[in-house]
Structure formats: structure tokens, C-alpha cells
Amino acid sequence: MPAGRGPAANGPAGKGAAGNEPARNEPARKGAARRAPARRAPARRAPARERATERLRGAVDEQRAALGEPAWAGPSEAAPLGREVVRAVLAAMDAGLVPAKEALRGAVTFLLSALADRAPGKAVEVRVPPYAAVQCIEGPRHTRGTPPNVVETDPVTWITLRASGPRADLSAWLPLLVVESP
């Protein structure tokens, strides 16, 4: 190897490995701008709605696999996925299986969202712990603390609550008993 040449000296004498940077021990030349180290652009995160749809898709596929069904081949929009996750959770319960946790969460949140869309307002809070709660139904609004009108149930009861037929609406007769909080 010729004198003065070594693995560290890849370019002209006094230059660094890239050939355009000053050597470590030499001061920068006057007027020469020092480059800041290249920074990577921050990784772009998917919007929350997109991530939620991806999680819902995963939950649908997981529940379908537990049922022995193929992966979902339908649309990837939230509404069709929501309907499918509810169907898959109900099918799992009908088959005597415990619903997959994320599928149950997806079904609960989809149905709560449907309720809030059909009965907009902030007079009643419907809670399905530990997954979600929505405010719905027009009327006096509450802003702090526990609302005066609360409906709370567990996830399985919320999912299995079904009505069919033109006379299945029992809302005029329910609830049968209102118990005041102590």
C-alpha cells in the first residue's frame, strides 16, 4: 500500500471518507458551510380512523378463523367490517365459543356508534364497560360527573340484545322498573 494511503483515506489527502468533508482534526474552511447530520423524516403514522379500521379487520379475521371460516374478503370500510364483526361474534356465541376479545370490542363499539347515530343527543349515557360508552337521545344535557340517565350492561348482553319483527319494539313498556340510585 503506498505511503499515506490507508483504509481511512479514501479520497484526496485531508478529506474524510466522503471526499467533501474536512478531516476531523482540520478546522472548517472559512465560508464553507458545515452540513448538519442528515435527519430521517419522522415515520408517518396512519390516521386514527385507518388504524381502527385495520384493528377491526384483524378482529374480524381472528373471529372468522376461530369459527373455521376463511378471512374476510368483503369491503375494508368501517361499516361493512362492523356488521361482519357483529355477525361473527354472534355466530361464535351461538356455537358455544367465547368471542375473541378484539372482535367483541369491535362489535360493541360498532353497535354503540349505530345507537348514537340513530338517537343523537346527550341526555342518556349508554355504557358497556370495559369497552366504550356513548351519549345519545335528545333531552337535558349533562356536562360533569355521572350523568343522571345511565344505561349500563356487559358486552355479551349488549351484543345479544336482539329484536325482530314489526311489533318487537318494546320501548314503550321498558324499563319495567326504575331503581333510583341510593
C-alpha atoms as a PDB file:
ATOM      1  CA  MET A   1       0.000   0.000   0.000  1.00  0.00           C
ATOM      2  CA  PRO A   2       1.519   3.413  -0.930  1.00  0.00           C
ATOM      3  CA  ALA A   3       2.611   5.659   1.930  1.00  0.00           C
ATOM      4  CA  GLY A   4      -0.095   7.942   3.247  1.00  0.00           C
ATOM      5  CA  ARG A   5      -2.810   5.717   1.924  1.00  0.00           C
ATOM      6  CA  GLY A   6      -4.787   3.562   4.243  1.00  0.00           C
ATOM      7  CA  PRO A   7      -8.305   2.374   4.613  1.00  0.00           C
ATOM      8  CA  ALA A   8      -9.351   5.666   6.253  1.00  0.00           C
ATOM      9  CA  ALA A   9      -8.042   7.846   3.448  1.00  0.00           C
ATOM     10  CA  ASN A  10     -10.407   7.098   0.585  1.00  0.00           C
ATOM     11  CA  GLY A  11     -10.215  10.430  -1.159  1.00  0.00           C
ATOM     12  CA  PRO A  12      -7.783  13.288  -1.595  1.00  0.00           C
ATOM     13  CA  ALA A  13      -5.476  13.956   1.332  1.00  0.00           C
ATOM     14  CA  GLY A  14      -7.106  15.880   4.164  1.00  0.00           C
ATOM     15  CA  LYS A  15     -10.619  14.866   3.214  1.00  0.00           C
ATOM     16  CA  GLY A  16     -12.898  12.456   5.028  1.00  0.00           C
ATOM     17  CA  ALA A  17     -14.428   9.324   3.678  1.00  0.00           C
ATOM     18  CA  ALA A  18     -16.990  11.180   1.598  1.00  0.00           C
ATOM     19  CA  GLY A  19     -14.325  13.346  -0.030  1.00  0.00           C
ATOM     20  CA  ASN A  20     -16.140  16.611   0.682  1.00  0.00           C
ATOM     21  CA  GLU A  21     -15.927  16.827   4.468  1.00  0.00           C
ATOM     22  CA  PRO A  22     -12.958  18.326   6.297  1.00  0.00           C
ATOM     23  CA  ALA A  23     -10.759  15.880   8.113  1.00  0.00           C
ATOM     24  CA  ARG A  24     -11.594  15.516  11.797  1.00  0.00           C
ATOM     25  CA  ASN A  25      -8.589  17.486  13.023  1.00  0.00           C
ATOM     26  CA  GLU A  26      -8.798  20.298  10.474  1.00  0.00           C
ATOM     27  CA  PRO A  27     -10.988  23.342  11.085  1.00  0.00           C
ATOM     28  CA  ALA A  28     -13.690  24.060   8.532  1.00  0.00           C
ATOM     29  CA  ARG A  29     -12.659  26.459   5.792  1.00  0.00           C
ATOM     30  CA  LYS A  30     -13.924  29.995   6.024  1.00  0.00           C
ATOM     31  CA  GLY A  31     -17.176  30.377   4.104  1.00  0.00           C
ATOM     32  CA  ALA A  32     -17.683  26.638   3.806  1.00  0.00           C
ATOM     33  CA  ALA A  33     -20.963  25.630   5.328  1.00  0.00           C
ATOM     34  CA  ARG A  34     -20.895  22.655   7.644  1.00  0.00           C
ATOM     35  CA  ARG A  35     -23.606  20.210   6.940  1.00  0.00           C
ATOM     36  CA  ALA A  36     -25.803  19.086   9.746  1.00  0.00           C
ATOM     37  CA  PRO A  37     -26.048  15.354  10.042  1.00  0.00           C
ATOM     38  CA  ALA A  38     -28.827  14.047   7.852  1.00  0.00           C
ATOM     39  CA  ARG A  39     -32.009  13.521   9.828  1.00  0.00           C
ATOM     40  CA  ARG A  40     -34.578  10.994   8.947  1.00  0.00           C
ATOM     41  CA  ALA A  41     -38.066  12.232   8.371  1.00  0.00           C
ATOM     42  CA  PRO A  42     -40.334  11.046  11.178  1.00  0.00           C
ATOM     43  CA  ALA A  43     -42.217   7.910  10.315  1.00  0.00           C
ATOM     44  CA  ARG A  44     -45.677   8.832   9.119  1.00  0.00           C
ATOM     45  CA  ARG A  45     -48.308   7.288  11.322  1.00  0.00           C
ATOM     46  CA  ALA A  46     -51.586   6.193   9.880  1.00  0.00           C
ATOM     47  CA  PRO A  47     -54.569   8.313  10.912  1.00  0.00           C
ATOM     48  CA  ALA A  48     -56.519   7.018  13.908  1.00  0.00           C
ATOM     49  CA  ARG A  49     -59.509   6.043  11.784  1.00  0.00           C
ATOM     50  CA  GLU A  50     -57.284   4.000   9.469  1.00  0.00           C
ATOM     51  CA  ARG A  51     -55.632   2.227  12.418  1.00  0.00           C
ATOM     52  CA  ALA A  52     -59.053   1.494  13.929  1.00  0.00           C
ATOM     53  CA  THR A  53     -60.245   0.005  10.641  1.00  0.00           C
ATOM     54  CA  GLU A  54     -57.103  -2.152  10.445  1.00  0.00           C
ATOM     55  CA  ARG A  55     -57.672  -3.391  14.022  1.00  0.00           C
ATOM     56  CA  LEU A  56     -61.299  -4.143  13.184  1.00  0.00           C
ATOM     57  CA  ARG A  57     -60.217  -6.075  10.095  1.00  0.00           C
ATOM     58  CA  GLY A  58     -57.805  -8.111  12.233  1.00  0.00           C
ATOM     59  CA  ALA A  59     -60.564  -8.795  14.770  1.00  0.00           C
ATOM     60  CA  VAL A  60     -62.949  -9.940  12.027  1.00  0.00           C
ATOM     61  CA  ASP A  61     -60.338 -12.285  10.574  1.00  0.00           C
ATOM     62  CA  GLU A  62     -59.444 -13.659  14.026  1.00  0.00           C
ATOM     63  CA  GLN A  63     -63.072 -14.373  14.894  1.00  0.00           C
ATOM     64  CA  ARG A  64     -63.757 -15.904  11.482  1.00  0.00           C
ATOM     65  CA  ALA A  65     -60.703 -18.156  11.872  1.00  0.00           C
ATOM     66  CA  ALA A  66     -61.999 -19.327  15.280  1.00  0.00           C
ATOM     67  CA  LEU A  67     -65.249 -20.235  13.536  1.00  0.00           C
ATOM     68  CA  GLY A  68     -63.386 -22.144  10.820  1.00  0.00           C
ATOM     69  CA  GLU A  69     -64.338 -19.548   8.206  1.00  0.00           C
ATOM     70  CA  PRO A  70     -61.965 -18.011   5.649  1.00  0.00           C
ATOM     71  CA  ALA A  71     -60.605 -14.496   6.083  1.00  0.00           C
ATOM     72  CA  TRP A  72     -62.966 -11.625   5.263  1.00  0.00           C
ATOM     73  CA  ALA A  73     -62.964 -10.887   1.530  1.00  0.00           C
ATOM     74  CA  GLY A  74     -65.528  -8.098   1.683  1.00  0.00           C
ATOM     75  CA  PRO A  75     -65.045  -4.333   1.659  1.00  0.00           C
ATOM     76  CA  SER A  76     -62.499  -2.786   4.019  1.00  0.00           C
ATOM     77  CA  GLU A  77     -64.664   0.157   5.054  1.00  0.00           C
ATOM     78  CA  ALA A  78     -65.718   0.512   8.677  1.00  0.00           C
ATOM     79  CA  ALA A  79     -69.469  -0.094   8.192  1.00  0.00           C
ATOM     80  CA  PRO A  80     -69.259  -3.475   6.392  1.00  0.00           C
ATOM     81  CA  LEU A  81     -66.479  -4.581   8.759  1.00  0.00           C
ATOM     82  CA  GLY A  82     -68.600  -3.539  11.744  1.00  0.00           C
ATOM     83  CA  ARG A  83     -71.592  -5.513  10.526  1.00  0.00           C
ATOM     84  CA  GLU A  84     -69.365  -8.527   9.872  1.00  0.00           C
ATOM     85  CA  VAL A  85     -67.714  -8.418  13.292  1.00  0.00           C
ATOM     86  CA  VAL A  86     -71.168  -8.357  14.934  1.00  0.00           C
ATOM     87  CA  ARG A  87     -72.245 -11.324  12.797  1.00  0.00           C
ATOM     88  CA  ALA A  88     -69.057 -13.243  13.593  1.00  0.00           C
ATOM     89  CA  VAL A  89     -69.327 -12.594  17.347  1.00  0.00           C
ATOM     90  CA  LEU A  90     -72.972 -13.699  17.376  1.00  0.00           C
ATOM     91  CA  ALA A  91     -72.044 -16.813  15.375  1.00  0.00           C
ATOM     92  CA  ALA A  92     -69.275 -17.597  17.873  1.00  0.00           C
ATOM     93  CA  MET A  93     -71.664 -17.270  20.823  1.00  0.00           C
ATOM     94  CA  ASP A  94     -74.295 -19.378  19.028  1.00  0.00           C
ATOM     95  CA  ALA A  95     -71.602 -22.039  18.518  1.00  0.00           C
ATOM     96  CA  GLY A  96     -70.784 -22.013  22.232  1.00  0.00           C
ATOM     97  CA  LEU A  97     -67.435 -20.256  21.732  1.00  0.00           C
ATOM     98  CA  VAL A  98     -66.088 -17.376  23.746  1.00  0.00           C
ATOM     99  CA  PRO A  99     -65.823 -14.396  21.378  1.00  0.00           C
ATOM    100  CA  ALA A 100     -62.344 -13.099  20.619  1.00  0.00           C
ATOM    101  CA  LYS A 101     -61.618 -10.066  22.807  1.00  0.00           C
ATOM    102  CA  GLU A 102     -60.902  -7.636  19.960  1.00  0.00           C
ATOM    103  CA  ALA A 103     -63.882  -8.905  17.975  1.00  0.00           C
ATOM    104  CA  LEU A 104     -66.143  -8.355  20.980  1.00  0.00           C
ATOM    105  CA  ARG A 105     -64.696  -4.852  21.407  1.00  0.00           C
ATOM    106  CA  GLY A 106     -65.303  -4.112  17.715  1.00  0.00           C
ATOM    107  CA  ALA A 107     -68.885  -5.373  17.864  1.00  0.00           C
ATOM    108  CA  VAL A 108     -69.669  -3.359  20.996  1.00  0.00           C
ATOM    109  CA  THR A 109     -68.225  -0.127  19.648  1.00  0.00           C
ATOM    110  CA  PHE A 110     -69.914  -0.589  16.260  1.00  0.00           C
ATOM    111  CA  LEU A 111     -73.334  -1.102  17.844  1.00  0.00           C
ATOM    112  CA  LEU A 112     -72.862   1.799  20.271  1.00  0.00           C
ATOM    113  CA  SER A 113     -71.923   4.025  17.363  1.00  0.00           C
ATOM    114  CA  ALA A 114     -75.037   2.887  15.485  1.00  0.00           C
ATOM    115  CA  LEU A 115     -77.153   3.783  18.532  1.00  0.00           C
ATOM    116  CA  ALA A 116     -75.584   7.246  18.777  1.00  0.00           C
ATOM    117  CA  ASP A 117     -76.226   7.796  15.048  1.00  0.00           C
ATOM    118  CA  ARG A 118     -79.891   6.752  15.297  1.00  0.00           C
ATOM    119  CA  ALA A 119     -80.626   8.624  18.525  1.00  0.00           C
ATOM    120  CA  PRO A 120     -78.402  11.715  18.581  1.00  0.00           C
ATOM    121  CA  GLY A 121     -78.236  13.758  21.745  1.00  0.00           C
ATOM    122  CA  LYS A 122     -76.553  13.850  25.123  1.00  0.00           C
ATOM    123  CA  ALA A 123     -79.313  13.080  27.632  1.00  0.00           C
ATOM    124  CA  VAL A 124     -78.522   9.383  28.185  1.00  0.00           C
ATOM    125  CA  GLU A 125     -75.174   7.696  28.544  1.00  0.00           C
ATOM    126  CA  VAL A 126     -75.015   4.051  27.479  1.00  0.00           C
ATOM    127  CA  ARG A 127     -72.026   2.252  28.968  1.00  0.00           C
ATOM    128  CA  VAL A 128     -70.626  -1.131  28.029  1.00  0.00           C
ATOM    129  CA  PRO A 129     -67.542  -1.491  30.210  1.00  0.00           C
ATOM    130  CA  PRO A 130     -64.698  -2.018  29.680  1.00  0.00           C
ATOM    131  CA  TYR A 131     -65.054  -1.168  26.003  1.00  0.00           C
ATOM    132  CA  ALA A 132     -66.988   2.014  25.361  1.00  0.00           C
ATOM    133  CA  ALA A 133     -69.726   4.458  26.250  1.00  0.00           C
ATOM    134  CA  VAL A 134     -71.788   6.871  24.154  1.00  0.00           C
ATOM    135  CA  GLN A 135     -74.150   9.700  24.837  1.00  0.00           C
ATOM    136  CA  CYS A 136     -77.402   9.653  22.937  1.00  0.00           C
ATOM    137  CA  ILE A 137     -81.070  10.694  22.929  1.00  0.00           C
ATOM    138  CA  GLU A 138     -82.174  14.304  22.896  1.00  0.00           C
ATOM    139  CA  GLY A 139     -83.060  15.969  26.170  1.00  0.00           C
ATOM    140  CA  PRO A 140     -81.380  17.743  29.061  1.00  0.00           C
ATOM    141  CA  ARG A 141     -77.629  17.648  28.655  1.00  0.00           C
ATOM    142  CA  HIS A 142     -75.168  16.910  31.419  1.00  0.00           C
ATOM    143  CA  THR A 143     -71.642  18.271  31.426  1.00  0.00           C
ATOM    144  CA  ARG A 144     -69.896  17.000  34.569  1.00  0.00           C
ATOM    145  CA  GLY A 145     -69.779  13.922  36.710  1.00  0.00           C
ATOM    146  CA  THR A 146     -72.099  10.991  36.465  1.00  0.00           C
ATOM    147  CA  PRO A 147     -74.990  11.766  34.160  1.00  0.00           C
ATOM    148  CA  PRO A 148     -78.492  11.458  35.605  1.00  0.00           C
ATOM    149  CA  ASN A 149     -79.566   8.975  32.894  1.00  0.00           C
ATOM    150  CA  VAL A 150     -77.304   5.948  32.548  1.00  0.00           C
ATOM    151  CA  VAL A 151     -77.825   2.554  30.957  1.00  0.00           C
ATOM    152  CA  GLU A 152     -75.022   0.086  31.665  1.00  0.00           C
ATOM    153  CA  THR A 153     -74.621  -3.506  30.610  1.00  0.00           C
ATOM    154  CA  ASP A 154     -71.942  -6.080  29.942  1.00  0.00           C
ATOM    155  CA  PRO A 155     -70.579  -6.679  26.408  1.00  0.00           C
ATOM    156  CA  VAL A 156     -72.250 -10.054  25.808  1.00  0.00           C
ATOM    157  CA  THR A 157     -75.693  -8.774  26.840  1.00  0.00           C
ATOM    158  CA  TRP A 158     -75.256  -5.706  24.634  1.00  0.00           C
ATOM    159  CA  ILE A 159     -74.322  -7.828  21.618  1.00  0.00           C
ATOM    160  CA  THR A 160     -77.072 -10.420  22.105  1.00  0.00           C
ATOM    161  CA  LEU A 161     -79.845  -7.901  22.619  1.00  0.00           C
ATOM    162  CA  ARG A 162     -81.999  -8.666  19.599  1.00  0.00           C
ATOM    163  CA  ALA A 163     -85.391  -7.725  18.311  1.00  0.00           C
ATOM    164  CA  SER A 164     -87.099  -8.939  15.171  1.00  0.00           C
ATOM    165  CA  GLY A 165     -90.487  -8.366  13.623  1.00  0.00           C
ATOM    166  CA  PRO A 166     -92.616  -5.265  13.235  1.00  0.00           C
ATOM    167  CA  ARG A 167     -94.030  -5.459  16.797  1.00  0.00           C
ATOM    168  CA  ALA A 168     -90.775  -6.240  18.595  1.00  0.00           C
ATOM    169  CA  ASP A 169     -90.187  -2.641  19.747  1.00  0.00           C
ATOM    170  CA  LEU A 170     -90.820  -2.779  23.483  1.00  0.00           C
ATOM    171  CA  SER A 171     -89.511   0.705  24.235  1.00  0.00           C
ATOM    172  CA  ALA A 172     -92.971   1.942  25.247  1.00  0.00           C
ATOM    173  CA  TRP A 173     -93.060  -0.686  28.029  1.00  0.00           C
ATOM    174  CA  LEU A 174     -89.438  -0.767  29.118  1.00  0.00           C
ATOM    175  CA  PRO A 175     -87.875  -0.455  31.533  1.00  0.00           C
ATOM    176  CA  LEU A 176     -90.264  -2.437  33.730  1.00  0.00           C
ATOM    177  CA  LEU A 177     -88.826  -0.992  36.924  1.00  0.00           C
ATOM    178  CA  VAL A 178     -86.696   2.080  37.513  1.00  0.00           C
ATOM    179  CA  VAL A 179     -84.453   1.770  40.535  1.00  0.00           C
ATOM    180  CA  GLU A 180     -83.212   5.051  41.954  1.00  0.00           C
ATOM    181  CA  SER A 181     -79.578   5.256  42.996  1.00  0.00           C
ATOM    182  CA  PRO A 182     -79.024   5.486  46.773  1.00  0.00           C
END
